[in-house]
């Protein structure tokens, strides 16, 4: 089994019956030794603690003992497989998932910093809807110091945040694309395709006399609209926990039984 097959657990799966069956076969092959180990435990329990035997011929005792020893060997192999393959892969995937969620949280936090930096000391927070923020952002002199970092201007800090978000998105797509859910991929695509990321900020020059404020091109209002759009994007919480294999297996068995009865 390749690493790519092992990592496909984090991809989304089609709902068609053929794809479900393929996913079920993939899961069964991936957990072959674990399934054999559980079956061997059941066999040992039956042979040790019940009167039922696999064989009842003259050499039954020898054959049953042989199968018991074979089951112990399978259990040992399953433990070795879990300890040396499944557990390291599981720990690696957990670490990757933590990295992805942290990077996505950074993007969300950067957007919130911009939202909260515009007129941060106004008390009417309940009015911080889209229209409120866009108007406040348009009226903000972006050449003034940033609210939470007085060493840089609004414009420079926003440009830094744009670069940070682009770097995070590109890093996630380049290194962790196959580990992300559809919701996370869509979230990143929406961000990269937003006006805020695609365009360069051209602020209104409030430092000039008022009659010159709108003489040159500016996109400050459009930037404010795009920033609030990103702020309202639903955060992609991770809900995918792998293939619901047991449910698929039971559904497949029910369909098979129903067909055979008909």
Protein backbone atom coordinates (compact mmCIF):
# COMPACT_ATOMS: atom_id res chain seq x y z
CA UNK A 1 0.00 0.00 0.00
CA UNK A 2 1.40 3.41 -0.95
CA UNK A 3 1.47 6.50 1.26
CA UNK A 4 -0.96 8.16 -1.15
CA UNK A 5 -3.52 5.40 -0.56
CA UNK A 6 -3.00 5.67 3.19
CA UNK A 7 -3.58 9.42 3.12
CA UNK A 8 -6.74 9.23 1.02
CA UNK A 9 -8.69 8.91 4.25
CA UNK A 10 -8.71 12.70 4.44
CA UNK A 11 -10.19 13.17 0.99
CA UNK A 12 -13.90 13.48 0.35
CA UNK A 13 -15.79 10.50 -1.02
CA UNK A 14 -18.45 10.27 -3.66
CA UNK A 15 -21.86 9.05 -2.54
CA UNK A 16 -22.40 6.63 -5.43
CA UNK A 17 -22.70 2.94 -4.55
CA UNK A 18 -19.72 1.93 -6.71
CA UNK A 19 -17.46 4.46 -5.02
CA UNK A 20 -18.71 3.40 -1.60
CA UNK A 21 -17.87 -0.19 -2.43
CA UNK A 22 -14.39 0.86 -3.61
CA UNK A 23 -13.89 2.83 -0.39
CA UNK A 24 -15.00 -0.18 1.62
CA UNK A 25 -12.48 -2.41 -0.18
CA UNK A 26 -9.75 0.19 0.39
CA UNK A 27 -10.54 0.28 4.12
CA UNK A 28 -10.61 -3.51 4.36
CA UNK A 29 -7.22 -3.82 2.63
CA UNK A 30 -5.80 -1.06 4.83
CA UNK A 31 -6.96 -2.80 8.01
CA UNK A 32 -6.40 -6.40 6.86
CA UNK A 33 -4.09 -7.36 9.75
CA UNK A 34 -6.31 -5.74 12.35
CA UNK A 35 -9.33 -7.69 11.06
CA UNK A 36 -7.33 -10.94 11.12
CA UNK A 37 -6.16 -10.13 14.65
CA UNK A 38 -9.70 -9.62 15.91
CA UNK A 39 -10.83 -12.82 14.17
CA UNK A 40 -7.93 -14.71 15.79
CA UNK A 41 -8.89 -13.41 19.23
CA UNK A 42 -12.42 -14.68 18.67
CA UNK A 43 -11.06 -18.07 17.56
CA UNK A 44 -8.84 -18.38 20.64
CA UNK A 45 -11.73 -17.43 22.91
CA UNK A 46 -13.93 -20.08 21.31
CA UNK A 47 -11.26 -22.79 21.56
CA UNK A 48 -10.29 -21.92 25.13
CA UNK A 49 -13.57 -21.14 26.80
CA UNK A 50 -16.26 -23.05 24.88
CA UNK A 51 -16.91 -26.65 23.91
CA UNK A 52 -17.07 -25.84 20.22
CA UNK A 53 -14.19 -27.15 18.10
CA UNK A 54 -13.22 -26.61 14.48
CA UNK A 55 -12.55 -30.32 13.93
CA UNK A 56 -14.05 -33.44 15.49
CA UNK A 57 -12.12 -36.19 13.71
CA UNK A 58 -9.49 -38.48 15.21
CA UNK A 59 -6.79 -35.84 14.83
CA UNK A 60 -9.06 -33.04 16.01
CA UNK A 61 -6.94 -32.14 19.04
CA UNK A 62 -3.83 -31.68 16.92
CA UNK A 63 -5.64 -29.66 14.29
CA UNK A 64 -7.34 -27.45 16.86
CA UNK A 65 -4.01 -26.88 18.60
CA UNK A 66 -2.45 -25.98 15.25
CA UNK A 67 -5.14 -23.41 14.54
CA UNK A 68 -4.78 -22.01 18.05
CA UNK A 69 -1.03 -21.51 17.57
CA UNK A 70 -1.70 -20.01 14.15
CA UNK A 71 -4.16 -17.54 15.71
CA UNK A 72 -1.55 -16.49 18.28
CA UNK A 73 0.87 -15.85 15.41
CA UNK A 74 -1.70 -13.72 13.61
CA UNK A 75 -2.30 -11.69 16.77
CA UNK A 76 1.44 -11.10 17.14
CA UNK A 77 1.65 -9.96 13.50
CA UNK A 78 -1.35 -7.65 13.98
CA UNK A 79 0.23 -6.07 17.08
CA UNK A 80 3.47 -5.56 15.15
CA UNK A 81 1.55 -3.96 12.26
CA UNK A 82 -0.35 -1.59 14.56
CA UNK A 83 2.78 -0.60 16.49
CA UNK A 84 5.00 -0.04 13.46
CA UNK A 85 2.58 1.10 10.73
CA UNK A 86 -0.84 2.20 11.93
CA UNK A 87 0.23 4.07 15.06
CA UNK A 88 3.01 6.15 13.39
CA UNK A 89 0.67 6.99 10.49
CA UNK A 90 -2.09 7.93 12.89
CA UNK A 91 0.24 10.18 14.90
CA UNK A 92 1.53 11.78 11.70
CA UNK A 93 -1.98 12.47 10.44
CA UNK A 94 -2.97 13.96 13.80
CA UNK A 95 0.05 16.26 13.65
CA UNK A 96 -0.82 17.29 10.08
CA UNK A 97 -4.43 17.97 11.03
CA UNK A 98 -3.27 20.14 13.93
CA UNK A 99 -1.00 22.09 11.59
CA UNK A 100 -3.80 22.65 9.06
CA UNK A 101 -6.24 23.85 11.73
CA UNK A 102 -3.63 26.20 13.22
CA UNK A 103 -2.86 27.72 9.82
CA UNK A 104 -6.57 28.22 9.07
CA UNK A 105 -7.00 29.85 12.47
CA UNK A 106 -4.19 32.29 11.64
CA UNK A 107 -6.08 33.42 8.53
CA UNK A 108 -9.28 33.95 10.49
CA UNK A 109 -7.39 35.82 13.21
CA UNK A 110 -5.68 38.12 10.69
CA UNK A 111 -9.05 39.10 9.20
CA UNK A 112 -10.49 39.73 12.66
CA UNK A 113 -7.53 41.96 13.49
CA UNK A 114 -8.39 44.23 10.58
CA UNK A 115 -12.08 44.28 11.51
CA UNK A 116 -11.36 45.13 15.16
CA UNK A 117 -8.69 47.71 14.34
CA UNK A 118 -11.12 50.08 12.61
CA UNK A 119 -12.51 52.47 15.22
CA UNK A 120 -11.83 49.95 18.01
CA UNK A 121 -12.96 52.23 20.84
CA UNK A 122 -16.49 52.82 19.65
CA UNK A 123 -18.95 51.34 22.10
CA UNK A 124 -21.76 50.47 19.67
CA UNK A 125 -20.34 47.04 18.81
CA UNK A 126 -23.82 45.71 18.00
CA UNK A 127 -23.80 47.97 14.96
CA UNK A 128 -20.68 46.32 13.55
CA UNK A 129 -22.50 44.87 10.59
CA UNK A 130 -21.33 45.05 7.00
CA UNK A 131 -22.52 48.60 6.30
CA UNK A 132 -21.06 49.88 9.55
CA UNK A 133 -17.64 48.40 8.89
CA UNK A 134 -17.45 49.33 5.20
CA UNK A 135 -18.32 52.98 6.00
CA UNK A 136 -15.87 53.06 8.91
CA UNK A 137 -13.13 51.48 6.80
CA UNK A 138 -13.71 53.94 3.98
CA UNK A 139 -13.47 56.86 6.42
CA UNK A 140 -10.30 55.50 8.01
CA UNK A 141 -7.02 57.23 7.13
CA UNK A 142 -4.92 54.19 6.22
CA UNK A 143 -1.71 56.20 6.51
CA UNK A 144 -2.26 56.49 10.26
CA UNK A 145 -0.64 53.99 12.68
CA UNK A 146 -2.35 50.61 12.93
CA UNK A 147 -4.49 50.31 16.06
CA UNK A 148 -2.71 47.28 17.53
CA UNK A 149 0.79 48.01 16.23
CA UNK A 150 1.67 51.70 16.32
CA UNK A 151 4.97 51.18 14.50
CA UNK A 152 3.33 50.54 11.10
CA UNK A 153 0.52 52.21 9.21
CA UNK A 154 -2.86 50.66 8.42
CA UNK A 155 -1.87 50.34 4.78
CA UNK A 156 1.42 48.60 5.52
CA UNK A 157 -0.13 46.24 8.06
CA UNK A 158 -2.94 45.31 5.66
CA UNK A 159 -0.37 44.62 2.94
CA UNK A 160 1.55 42.42 5.40
CA UNK A 161 -1.64 40.51 6.24
CA UNK A 162 -2.35 40.00 2.53
CA UNK A 163 1.12 38.50 2.06
CA UNK A 164 0.76 36.32 5.18
CA UNK A 165 -2.59 34.92 4.04
CA UNK A 166 -1.29 34.20 0.52
CA UNK A 167 1.74 32.44 1.99
CA UNK A 168 -0.43 30.33 4.31
CA UNK A 169 -2.84 29.33 1.51
CA UNK A 170 -0.04 28.41 -0.87
CA UNK A 171 1.74 26.41 1.85
CA UNK A 172 -1.41 24.45 2.69
CA UNK A 173 -2.17 23.69 -0.96
CA UNK A 174 1.42 22.71 -1.69
CA UNK A 175 2.08 20.51 1.34
CA UNK A 176 -1.27 19.39 2.78
CA UNK A 177 -3.83 19.47 -0.03
CA UNK A 178 -4.60 15.73 0.19
CA UNK A 179 -5.17 16.01 3.95
CA UNK A 180 -7.82 18.74 3.74
CA UNK A 181 -11.58 18.39 3.58
CA UNK A 182 -13.73 19.84 0.81
CA UNK A 183 -14.90 22.61 3.16
CA UNK A 184 -11.32 23.63 3.92
CA UNK A 185 -10.32 23.61 0.23
CA UNK A 186 -13.38 25.71 -0.67
CA UNK A 187 -12.59 28.11 2.17
CA UNK A 188 -9.05 28.67 0.86
CA UNK A 189 -10.25 29.06 -2.74
CA UNK A 190 -12.78 31.69 -1.64
CA UNK A 191 -10.03 33.59 0.14
CA UNK A 192 -7.56 33.44 -2.76
CA UNK A 193 -10.26 34.52 -5.24
CA UNK A 194 -11.44 37.42 -3.09
CA UNK A 195 -10.94 41.05 -4.10
CA UNK A 196 -8.89 41.61 -0.95
CA UNK A 197 -6.26 39.09 -2.04
CA UNK A 198 -6.31 39.65 -5.81
CA UNK A 199 -6.06 43.45 -5.77
CA UNK A 200 -3.52 45.94 -4.43
CA UNK A 201 -4.81 48.36 -1.81
CA UNK A 202 -5.04 51.93 -3.12
CA UNK A 203 -6.22 54.06 -0.18
CA UNK A 204 -7.83 57.46 -0.12
CA UNK A 205 -5.12 60.04 0.57
CA UNK A 206 -6.68 61.78 3.56
CA UNK A 207 -3.37 63.55 4.24
CA UNK A 208 -4.01 65.73 1.17
CA UNK A 209 -6.48 68.62 1.15
CA UNK A 210 -10.10 67.47 0.99
CA UNK A 211 -10.62 68.57 -2.61
CA UNK A 212 -7.96 66.05 -3.72
CA UNK A 213 -9.21 63.01 -1.80
CA UNK A 214 -11.13 61.47 -4.69
CA UNK A 215 -9.16 62.86 -7.61
CA UNK A 216 -7.00 59.74 -7.91
CA UNK A 217 -8.07 56.10 -8.16
CA UNK A 218 -8.81 54.35 -4.87
CA UNK A 219 -10.40 51.04 -3.94
CA UNK A 220 -10.66 51.53 -0.20
CA UNK A 221 -14.41 50.90 -0.07
CA UNK A 222 -14.17 47.74 -2.21
CA UNK A 223 -11.37 46.50 0.03
CA UNK A 224 -13.57 47.06 3.07
CA UNK A 225 -16.41 45.11 1.47
CA UNK A 226 -14.09 42.22 0.62
CA UNK A 227 -12.54 42.16 4.10
CA UNK A 228 -15.97 41.90 5.70
CA UNK A 229 -16.94 39.20 3.20
CA UNK A 230 -13.93 37.14 4.35
CA UNK A 231 -14.84 37.89 7.96
CA UNK A 232 -18.29 36.37 7.41
CA UNK A 233 -17.02 33.22 5.67
CA UNK A 234 -17.97 30.19 7.79
CA UNK A 235 -14.89 28.67 9.36
CA UNK A 236 -14.39 25.10 8.04
CA UNK A 237 -14.56 22.98 11.17
CA UNK A 238 -13.18 19.47 10.64
CA UNK A 239 -16.01 16.94 10.72
CA UNK A 240 -14.63 14.25 8.41
CA UNK A 241 -13.39 11.31 10.50
CA UNK A 242 -12.61 8.89 7.70
CA UNK A 243 -14.86 6.53 5.82
CA UNK A 244 -17.92 5.37 7.79
CA UNK A 245 -16.94 1.83 6.90
CA UNK A 246 -19.10 -0.09 9.34
CA UNK A 247 -22.19 1.69 8.04
CA UNK A 248 -21.16 0.98 4.45
CA UNK A 249 -20.44 -2.68 5.18
CA UNK A 250 -23.79 -3.17 6.88
CA UNK A 251 -25.58 -1.39 4.04
CA UNK A 252 -23.79 -3.54 1.47
CA UNK A 253 -24.67 -6.74 3.36
CA UNK A 254 -28.31 -5.67 3.64
CA UNK A 255 -28.50 -5.01 -0.11
CA UNK A 256 -26.83 -8.33 -0.87
CA UNK A 257 -29.20 -10.22 1.48
CA UNK A 258 -32.21 -8.47 -0.01
CA UNK A 259 -31.16 -9.39 -3.55
CA UNK A 260 -30.52 -13.03 -2.61
CA UNK A 261 -33.93 -13.29 -0.94
CA UNK A 262 -35.62 -11.88 -4.02
